[in-house]
PDB file of all heavy atoms in Angstrom:
ATOM      1  N   CYS A   1    -130.316 -23.442  35.688  1.00  0.00           N
ATOM      2  CA  CYS A   1    -130.483 -24.244  34.475  1.00  0.00           C
ATOM      3  C   CYS A   1    -131.550 -23.670  33.544  1.00  0.00           C
ATOM      4  O   CYS A   1    -131.657 -24.092  32.388  1.00  0.00           O
ATOM      5  CB  CYS A   1    -130.851 -25.672  34.851  1.00  0.00           C
ATOM      6  SG  CYS A   1    -132.469 -25.814  35.668  1.00  0.00           S
ATOM      7  N   GLY A   2    -132.356 -22.728  34.041  1.00  0.00           N
ATOM      8  CA  GLY A   2    -133.448 -22.168  33.254  1.00  0.00           C
ATOM      9  C   GLY A   2    -134.674 -23.044  33.221  1.00  0.00           C
ATOM     10  O   GLY A   2    -135.650 -22.725  32.537  1.00  0.00           O
ATOM     11  N   GLY A   3    -134.664 -24.148  33.990  1.00  0.00           N
ATOM     12  CA  GLY A   3    -135.803 -25.056  33.977  1.00  0.00           C
ATOM     13  C   GLY A   3    -136.950 -24.639  34.868  1.00  0.00           C
ATOM     14  O   GLY A   3    -138.054 -25.184  34.758  1.00  0.00           O
ATOM     15  N   ILE A   4    -136.716 -23.676  35.779  1.00  0.00           N
ATOM     16  CA  ILE A   4    -137.769 -23.165  36.660  1.00  0.00           C
ATOM     17  C   ILE A   4    -137.757 -21.649  36.555  1.00  0.00           C
ATOM     18  O   ILE A   4    -136.742 -21.011  36.875  1.00  0.00           O
ATOM     19  CB  ILE A   4    -137.535 -23.569  38.127  1.00  0.00           C
ATOM     20  CG1 ILE A   4    -137.198 -25.056  38.241  1.00  0.00           C
ATOM     21  CG2 ILE A   4    -138.754 -23.227  38.980  1.00  0.00           C
ATOM     22  CD1 ILE A   4    -136.636 -25.439  39.591  1.00  0.00           C
ATOM     23  N   VAL A   5    -138.850 -21.076  36.115  1.00  0.00           N
ATOM     24  CA  VAL A   5    -138.926 -19.623  35.913  1.00  0.00           C
ATOM     25  C   VAL A   5    -140.210 -19.105  36.528  1.00  0.00           C
ATOM     26  O   VAL A   5    -141.293 -19.625  36.278  1.00  0.00           O
ATOM     27  CB  VAL A   5    -138.891 -19.258  34.413  1.00  0.00           C
ATOM     28  CG1 VAL A   5    -138.982 -17.747  34.229  1.00  0.00           C
ATOM     29  CG2 VAL A   5    -137.621 -19.802  33.757  1.00  0.00           C
ATOM     30  N   VAL A   6    -140.085 -18.064  37.356  1.00  0.00           N
ATOM     31  CA  VAL A   6    -141.258 -17.394  37.912  1.00  0.00           C
ATOM     32  C   VAL A   6    -141.872 -16.499  36.843  1.00  0.00           C
ATOM     33  O   VAL A   6    -141.207 -15.606  36.313  1.00  0.00           O
ATOM     34  CB  VAL A   6    -140.878 -16.548  39.143  1.00  0.00           C
ATOM     35  CG1 VAL A   6    -142.067 -15.712  39.593  1.00  0.00           C
ATOM     36  CG2 VAL A   6    -140.421 -17.444  40.278  1.00  0.00           C
ATOM     37  N   LYS A   7    -143.112 -16.732  36.520  1.00  0.00           N
ATOM     38  CA  LYS A   7    -143.809 -15.923  35.514  1.00  0.00           C
ATOM     39  C   LYS A   7    -144.640 -14.810  36.140  1.00  0.00           C
ATOM     40  O   LYS A   7    -145.107 -13.916  35.453  1.00  0.00           O
ATOM     41  CB  LYS A   7    -144.699 -16.818  34.657  1.00  0.00           C
ATOM     42  CG  LYS A   7    -143.948 -17.822  33.799  1.00  0.00           C
ATOM     43  CD  LYS A   7    -144.899 -18.675  32.975  1.00  0.00           C
ATOM     44  CE  LYS A   7    -145.688 -17.866  31.981  1.00  0.00           C
ATOM     45  NZ  LYS A   7    -146.565 -18.723  31.135  1.00  0.00           N
ATOM     46  N   GLY A   8    -144.847 -14.886  37.460  1.00  0.00           N
ATOM     47  CA  GLY A   8    -145.657 -13.874  38.118  1.00  0.00           C
ATOM     48  C   GLY A   8    -147.135 -14.140  37.958  1.00  0.00           C
ATOM     49  O   GLY A   8    -147.565 -15.243  37.616  1.00  0.00           O
ATOM     50  N   SER A   9    -147.938 -13.114  38.191  1.00  0.00           N
ATOM     51  CA  SER A   9    -149.390 -13.260  38.068  1.00  0.00           C
ATOM     52  C   SER A   9    -149.765 -13.437  36.598  1.00  0.00           C
ATOM     53  O   SER A   9    -149.414 -12.616  35.757  1.00  0.00           O
ATOM     54  CB  SER A   9    -150.090 -12.030  38.643  1.00  0.00           C
ATOM     55  OG  SER A   9    -149.769 -11.874  40.007  1.00  0.00           O
ATOM     56  N   ALA A  10    -150.457 -14.522  36.299  1.00  0.00           N
ATOM     57  CA  ALA A  10    -150.871 -14.796  34.927  1.00  0.00           C
ATOM     58  C   ALA A  10    -152.110 -15.669  34.942  1.00  0.00           C
ATOM     59  O   ALA A  10    -152.237 -16.559  35.774  1.00  0.00           O
ATOM     60  CB  ALA A  10    -149.741 -15.495  34.150  1.00  0.00           C
ATOM     61  N   ASP A  11    -153.016 -15.383  34.014  1.00  0.00           N
ATOM     62  CA  ASP A  11    -154.237 -16.184  33.861  1.00  0.00           C
ATOM     63  C   ASP A  11    -155.021 -16.307  35.164  1.00  0.00           C
ATOM     64  O   ASP A  11    -155.553 -17.369  35.497  1.00  0.00           O
ATOM     65  CB  ASP A  11    -153.891 -17.574  33.326  1.00  0.00           C
ATOM     66  CG  ASP A  11    -153.204 -17.528  31.969  1.00  0.00           C
ATOM     67  OD1 ASP A  11    -153.544 -16.631  31.177  1.00  0.00           O
ATOM     68  OD2 ASP A  11    -152.326 -18.365  31.719  1.00  0.00           O
ATOM     69  N   GLY A  12    -155.072 -15.222  35.934  1.00  0.00           N
ATOM     70  CA  GLY A  12    -155.842 -15.221  37.169  1.00  0.00           C
ATOM     71  C   GLY A  12    -155.136 -15.853  38.346  1.00  0.00           C
ATOM     72  O   GLY A  12    -155.719 -15.960  39.430  1.00  0.00           O
ATOM     73  N   MET A  13    -153.886 -16.261  38.177  1.00  0.00           N
ATOM     74  CA  MET A  13    -153.137 -16.896  39.248  1.00  0.00           C
ATOM     75  C   MET A  13    -152.349 -15.860  40.048  1.00  0.00           C
ATOM     76  O   MET A  13    -151.889 -14.855  39.504  1.00  0.00           O
ATOM     77  CB  MET A  13    -152.155 -17.932  38.681  1.00  0.00           C
ATOM     78  CG  MET A  13    -152.824 -19.080  37.954  1.00  0.00           C
ATOM     79  SD  MET A  13    -153.770 -20.134  39.085  1.00  0.00           S
ATOM     80  CE  MET A  13    -154.479 -21.310  37.954  1.00  0.00           C
ATOM     81  N   LEU A  14    -152.178 -16.132  41.346  1.00  0.00           N
ATOM     82  CA  LEU A  14    -151.329 -15.281  42.176  1.00  0.00           C
ATOM     83  C   LEU A  14    -149.885 -15.392  41.735  1.00  0.00           C
ATOM     84  O   LEU A  14    -149.155 -14.409  41.665  1.00  0.00           O
ATOM     85  CB  LEU A  14    -151.470 -15.692  43.643  1.00  0.00           C
ATOM     86  CG  LEU A  14    -150.497 -15.044  44.637  1.00  0.00           C
ATOM     87  CD1 LEU A  14    -150.769 -13.555  44.746  1.00  0.00           C
ATOM     88  CD2 LEU A  14    -150.621 -15.725  46.000  1.00  0.00           C
ATOM     89  N   GLN A  15    -149.440 -16.606  41.430  1.00  0.00           N
ATOM     90  CA  GLN A  15    -148.083 -16.857  40.961  1.00  0.00           C
ATOM     91  C   GLN A  15    -148.092 -18.052  40.025  1.00  0.00           C
ATOM     92  O   GLN A  15    -148.817 -19.028  40.259  1.00  0.00           O
ATOM     93  CB  GLN A  15    -147.152 -17.133  42.142  1.00  0.00           C
ATOM     94  CG  GLN A  15    -145.678 -17.262  41.794  1.00  0.00           C
ATOM     95  CD  GLN A  15    -145.107 -15.958  41.284  1.00  0.00           C
ATOM     96  OE1 GLN A  15    -145.234 -15.652  40.101  1.00  0.00           O
ATOM     97  NE2 GLN A  15    -144.498 -15.190  42.167  1.00  0.00           N
ATOM     98  N   THR A  16    -147.317 -17.983  38.972  1.00  0.00           N
ATOM     99  CA  THR A  16    -147.198 -19.077  38.023  1.00  0.00           C
ATOM    100  C   THR A  16    -145.733 -19.382  37.781  1.00  0.00           C
ATOM    101  O   THR A  16    -144.921 -18.475  37.633  1.00  0.00           O
ATOM    102  CB  THR A  16    -147.893 -18.742  36.689  1.00  0.00           C
ATOM    103  OG1 THR A  16    -149.277 -18.461  36.917  1.00  0.00           O
ATOM    104  CG2 THR A  16    -147.775 -19.899  35.709  1.00  0.00           C
ATOM    105  N   PHE A  17    -145.395 -20.671  37.750  1.00  0.00           N
ATOM    106  CA  PHE A  17    -144.049 -21.120  37.444  1.00  0.00           C
ATOM    107  C   PHE A  17    -144.061 -21.836  36.099  1.00  0.00           C
ATOM    108  O   PHE A  17    -144.920 -22.682  35.842  1.00  0.00           O
ATOM    109  CB  PHE A  17    -143.538 -22.090  38.513  1.00  0.00           C
ATOM    110  CG  PHE A  17    -143.343 -21.465  39.858  1.00  0.00           C
ATOM    111  CD1 PHE A  17    -144.405 -21.367  40.754  1.00  0.00           C
ATOM    112  CD2 PHE A  17    -142.107 -20.972  40.253  1.00  0.00           C
ATOM    113  CE1 PHE A  17    -144.251 -20.797  42.006  1.00  0.00           C
ATOM    114  CE2 PHE A  17    -141.932 -20.402  41.498  1.00  0.00           C
ATOM    115  CZ  PHE A  17    -143.005 -20.310  42.380  1.00  0.00           C
ATOM    116  N   GLN A  18    -143.087 -21.513  35.277  1.00  0.00           N
ATOM    117  CA  GLN A  18    -142.896 -22.220  34.017  1.00  0.00           C
ATOM    118  C   GLN A  18    -141.789 -23.247  34.245  1.00  0.00           C
ATOM    119  O   GLN A  18    -140.690 -22.896  34.688  1.00  0.00           O
ATOM    120  CB  GLN A  18    -142.495 -21.243  32.918  1.00  0.00           C
ATOM    121  CG  GLN A  18    -142.446 -21.849  31.526  1.00  0.00           C
ATOM    122  CD  GLN A  18    -142.142 -20.783  30.490  1.00  0.00           C
ATOM    123  OE1 GLN A  18    -141.125 -20.110  30.553  1.00  0.00           O
ATOM    124  NE2 GLN A  18    -143.046 -20.627  29.535  1.00  0.00           N
ATOM    125  N   ILE A  19    -142.072 -24.503  33.955  1.00  0.00           N
ATOM    126  CA  ILE A  19    -141.155 -25.588  34.288  1.00  0.00           C
ATOM    127  C   ILE A  19    -140.823 -26.371  33.028  1.00  0.00           C
ATOM    128  O   ILE A  19    -141.724 -26.916  32.372  1.00  0.00           O
ATOM    129  CB  ILE A  19    -141.777 -26.534  35.336  1.00  0.00           C
ATOM    130  CG1 ILE A  19    -142.229 -25.745  36.565  1.00  0.00           C
ATOM    131  CG2 ILE A  19    -140.794 -27.623  35.739  1.00  0.00           C
ATOM    132  CD1 ILE A  19    -143.477 -26.289  37.186  1.00  0.00           C
ATOM    133  N   ASP A  20    -139.542 -26.434  32.698  1.00  0.00           N
ATOM    134  CA  ASP A  20    -139.073 -27.250  31.588  1.00  0.00           C
ATOM    135  C   ASP A  20    -138.281 -28.400  32.186  1.00  0.00           C
ATOM    136  O   ASP A  20    -137.110 -28.252  32.552  1.00  0.00           O
ATOM    137  CB  ASP A  20    -138.201 -26.422  30.639  1.00  0.00           C
ATOM    138  CG  ASP A  20    -137.821 -27.195  29.373  1.00  0.00           C
ATOM    139  OD1 ASP A  20    -137.990 -28.428  29.364  1.00  0.00           O
ATOM    140  OD2 ASP A  20    -137.359 -26.556  28.405  1.00  0.00           O
ATOM    141  N   LEU A  21    -138.918 -29.552  32.325  1.00  0.00           N
ATOM    142  CA  LEU A  21    -138.292 -30.682  33.001  1.00  0.00           C
ATOM    143  C   LEU A  21    -137.075 -31.217  32.249  1.00  0.00           C
ATOM    144  O   LEU A  21    -136.222 -31.885  32.843  1.00  0.00           O
ATOM    145  CB  LEU A  21    -139.317 -31.791  33.208  1.00  0.00           C
ATOM    146  CG  LEU A  21    -140.441 -31.463  34.206  1.00  0.00           C
ATOM    147  CD1 LEU A  21    -141.464 -32.589  34.239  1.00  0.00           C
ATOM    148  CD2 LEU A  21    -139.881 -31.212  35.598  1.00  0.00           C
ATOM    149  N   SER A  22    -136.962 -30.927  30.958  1.00  0.00           N
ATOM    150  CA  SER A  22    -135.800 -31.380  30.193  1.00  0.00           C
ATOM    151  C   SER A  22    -134.530 -30.661  30.615  1.00  0.00           C
ATOM    152  O   SER A  22    -133.420 -31.141  30.346  1.00  0.00           O
ATOM    153  CB  SER A  22    -136.034 -31.182  28.697  1.00  0.00           C
ATOM    154  OG  SER A  22    -136.073 -29.797  28.364  1.00  0.00           O
ATOM    155  N   LYS A  23    -134.672 -29.518  31.273  1.00  0.00           N
ATOM    156  CA  LYS A  23    -133.516 -28.734  31.699  1.00  0.00           C
ATOM    157  C   LYS A  23    -133.107 -28.992  33.146  1.00  0.00           C
ATOM    158  O   LYS A  23    -132.041 -28.536  33.574  1.00  0.00           O
ATOM    159  CB  LYS A  23    -133.800 -27.231  31.522  1.00  0.00           C
ATOM    160  CG  LYS A  23    -133.994 -26.804  30.078  1.00  0.00           C
ATOM    161  CD  LYS A  23    -134.237 -25.302  29.998  1.00  0.00           C
ATOM    162  CE  LYS A  23    -134.405 -24.843  28.551  1.00  0.00           C
ATOM    163  NZ  LYS A  23    -134.645 -23.371  28.471  1.00  0.00           N
ATOM    164  N   ILE A  24    -133.941 -29.667  33.889  1.00  0.00           N
ATOM    165  CA  ILE A  24    -133.640 -29.907  35.301  1.00  0.00           C
ATOM    166  C   ILE A  24    -132.476 -30.888  35.415  1.00  0.00           C
ATOM    167  O   ILE A  24    -132.531 -31.982  34.854  1.00  0.00           O
ATOM    168  CB  ILE A  24    -134.873 -30.461  36.040  1.00  0.00           C
ATOM    169  CG1 ILE A  24    -136.061 -29.502  35.899  1.00  0.00           C
ATOM    170  CG2 ILE A  24    -134.550 -30.709  37.507  1.00  0.00           C
ATOM    171  CD1 ILE A  24    -135.835 -28.133  36.482  1.00  0.00           C
ATOM    172  N   PRO A  25    -131.405 -30.528  36.131  1.00  0.00           N
ATOM    173  CA  PRO A  25    -130.257 -31.445  36.245  1.00  0.00           C
ATOM    174  C   PRO A  25    -130.605 -32.700  37.026  1.00  0.00           C
ATOM    175  O   PRO A  25    -131.561 -32.727  37.809  1.00  0.00           O
ATOM    176  CB  PRO A  25    -129.206 -30.597  36.974  1.00  0.00           C
ATOM    177  CG  PRO A  25    -129.988 -29.561  37.702  1.00  0.00           C
ATOM    178  CD  PRO A  25    -131.181 -29.262  36.846  1.00  0.00           C
ATOM    179  N   GLN A  26    -129.802 -33.735  36.813  1.00  0.00           N
ATOM    180  CA  GLN A  26    -130.099 -35.027  37.437  1.00  0.00           C
ATOM    181  C   GLN A  26    -130.037 -34.964  38.957  1.00  0.00           C
ATOM    182  O   GLN A  26    -130.676 -35.771  39.637  1.00  0.00           O
ATOM    183  CB  GLN A  26    -129.125 -36.084  36.917  1.00  0.00           C
ATOM    184  CG  GLN A  26    -129.338 -36.437  35.463  1.00  0.00           C
ATOM    185  CD  GLN A  26    -128.447 -37.588  35.007  1.00  0.00           C
ATOM    186  OE1 GLN A  26    -127.603 -38.062  35.754  1.00  0.00           O
ATOM    187  NE2 GLN A  26    -128.642 -38.024  33.770  1.00  0.00           N
ATOM    188  N   GLY A  27    -129.276 -34.024  39.493  1.00  0.00           N
ATOM    189  CA  GLY A  27    -129.164 -33.917  40.948  1.00  0.00           C
ATOM    190  C   GLY A  27    -130.399 -33.373  41.624  1.00  0.00           C
ATOM    191  O   GLY A  27    -130.539 -33.476  42.852  1.00  0.00           O
ATOM    192  N   ILE A  28    -131.319 -32.790  40.867  1.00  0.00           N
ATOM    193  CA  ILE A  28    -132.567 -32.255  41.427  1.00  0.00           C
ATOM    194  C   ILE A  28    -133.672 -33.279  41.200  1.00  0.00           C
ATOM    195  O   ILE A  28    -134.028 -33.593  40.062  1.00  0.00           O
ATOM    196  CB  ILE A  28    -132.941 -30.907  40.785  1.00  0.00           C
ATOM    197  CG1 ILE A  28    -131.819 -29.891  40.984  1.00  0.00           C
ATOM    198  CG2 ILE A  28    -134.252 -30.389  41.358  1.00  0.00           C
ATOM    199  CD1 ILE A  28    -131.554 -29.526  42.419  1.00  0.00           C
ATOM    200  N   LYS A  29    -134.224 -33.800  42.297  1.00  0.00           N
ATOM    201  CA  LYS A  29    -135.215 -34.868  42.218  1.00  0.00           C
ATOM    202  C   LYS A  29    -136.622 -34.433  42.613  1.00  0.00           C
ATOM    203  O   LYS A  29    -137.587 -35.135  42.338  1.00  0.00           O
ATOM    204  CB  LYS A  29    -134.791 -36.043  43.109  1.00  0.00           C
ATOM    205  CG  LYS A  29    -133.454 -36.660  42.730  1.00  0.00           C
ATOM    206  CD  LYS A  29    -133.476 -37.244  41.322  1.00  0.00           C
ATOM    207  CE  LYS A  29    -132.172 -37.968  40.998  1.00  0.00           C
ATOM    208  NZ  LYS A  29    -132.162 -38.506  39.627  1.00  0.00           N
ATOM    209  N   ARG A  30    -136.747 -33.297  43.301  1.00  0.00           N
ATOM    210  CA  ARG A  30    -138.058 -32.828  43.746  1.00  0.00           C
ATOM    211  C   ARG A  30    -138.168 -31.322  43.559  1.00  0.00           C
ATOM    212  O   ARG A  30    -137.233 -30.577  43.887  1.00  0.00           O
ATOM    213  CB  ARG A  30    -138.300 -33.152  45.229  1.00  0.00           C
ATOM    214  CG  ARG A  30    -138.403 -34.631  45.560  1.00  0.00           C
ATOM    215  CD  ARG A  30    -138.441 -34.832  47.065  1.00  0.00           C
ATOM    216  NE  ARG A  30    -139.571 -34.156  47.705  1.00  0.00           N
ATOM    217  CZ  ARG A  30    -139.653 -33.892  49.008  1.00  0.00           C
ATOM    218  NH1 ARG A  30    -138.656 -34.248  49.813  1.00  0.00           N
ATOM    219  NH2 ARG A  30    -140.719 -33.292  49.503  1.00  0.00           N
ATOM    220  N   LEU A  31    -139.294 -30.875  43.058  1.00  0.00           N
ATOM    221  CA  LEU A  31    -139.631 -29.452  42.991  1.00  0.00           C
ATOM    222  C   LEU A  31    -140.836 -29.250  43.897  1.00  0.00           C
ATOM    223  O   LEU A  31    -141.941 -29.707  43.584  1.00  0.00           O
ATOM    224  CB  LEU A  31    -139.953 -29.033  41.555  1.00  0.00           C
ATOM    225  CG  LEU A  31    -138.887 -29.322  40.489  1.00  0.00           C
ATOM    226  CD1 LEU A  31    -139.371 -28.833  39.126  1.00  0.00           C
ATOM    227  CD2 LEU A  31    -137.558 -28.685  40.849  1.00  0.00           C
ATOM    228  N   VAL A  32    -140.609 -28.596  45.028  1.00  0.00           N
ATOM    229  CA  VAL A  32    -141.665 -28.401  46.018  1.00  0.00           C
ATOM    230  C   VAL A  32    -142.144 -26.959  45.954  1.00  0.00           C
ATOM    231  O   VAL A  32    -141.351 -26.022  46.117  1.00  0.00           O
ATOM    232  CB  VAL A  32    -141.159 -28.742  47.430  1.00  0.00           C
ATOM    233  CG1 VAL A  32    -142.258 -28.483  48.456  1.00  0.00           C
ATOM    234  CG2 VAL A  32    -140.698 -30.194  47.501  1.00  0.00           C
ATOM    235  N   PHE A  33    -143.423 -26.763  45.740  1.00  0.00           N
ATOM    236  CA  PHE A  33    -144.020 -25.437  45.613  1.00  0.00           C
ATOM    237  C   PHE A  33    -144.727 -25.090  46.916  1.00  0.00           C
ATOM    238  O   PHE A  33    -145.553 -25.855  47.417  1.00  0.00           O
ATOM    239  CB  PHE A  33    -144.979 -25.410  44.425  1.00  0.00           C
ATOM    240  CG  PHE A  33    -144.286 -25.721  43.128  1.00  0.00           C
ATOM    241  CD1 PHE A  33    -144.177 -27.035  42.691  1.00  0.00           C
ATOM    242  CD2 PHE A  33    -143.710 -24.720  42.376  1.00  0.00           C
ATOM    243  CE1 PHE A  33    -143.512 -27.344  41.512  1.00  0.00           C
ATOM    244  CE2 PHE A  33    -143.042 -25.017  41.187  1.00  0.00           C
ATOM    245  CZ  PHE A  33    -142.948 -26.328  40.758  1.00  0.00           C
ATOM    246  N   SER A  34    -144.381 -23.926  47.471  1.00  0.00           N
ATOM    247  CA  SER A  34    -144.834 -23.559  48.812  1.00  0.00           C
ATOM    248  C   SER A  34    -145.368 -22.137  48.828  1.00  0.00           C
ATOM    249  O   SER A  34    -145.062 -21.324  47.958  1.00  0.00           O
ATOM    250  CB  SER A  34    -143.675 -23.682  49.816  1.00  0.00           C
ATOM    251  OG  SER A  34    -143.092 -24.970  49.758  1.00  0.00           O
ATOM    252  N   ALA A  35    -146.156 -21.861  49.863  1.00  0.00           N
ATOM    253  CA  ALA A  35    -146.692 -20.516  50.079  1.00  0.00           C
ATOM    254  C   ALA A  35    -146.518 -20.135  51.540  1.00  0.00           C
ATOM    255  O   ALA A  35    -146.640 -20.988  52.432  1.00  0.00           O
ATOM    256  CB  ALA A  35    -148.176 -20.458  49.694  1.00  0.00           C
ATOM    257  N   THR A  36    -146.206 -18.869  51.802  1.00  0.00           N
ATOM    258  CA  THR A  36    -146.063 -18.361  53.165  1.00  0.00           C
ATOM    259  C   THR A  36    -146.860 -17.073  53.307  1.00  0.00           C
ATOM    260  O   THR A  36    -147.080 -16.346  52.339  1.00  0.00           O
ATOM    261  CB  THR A  36    -144.586 -18.086  53.513  1.00  0.00           C
ATOM    262  OG1 THR A  36    -144.052 -17.103  52.603  1.00  0.00           O
ATOM    263  CG2 THR A  36    -143.750 -19.346  53.413  1.00  0.00           C
TER     264      THR A  36
END
């Protein structure tokens, strides 16, 4: 949907996600961010 985009390292962050909640389909109710 283009509502979740990995931006990579930015502004001192290891990883940054750009999130446009207006694009998230109704079937997606949770966005869980994880690290391994």
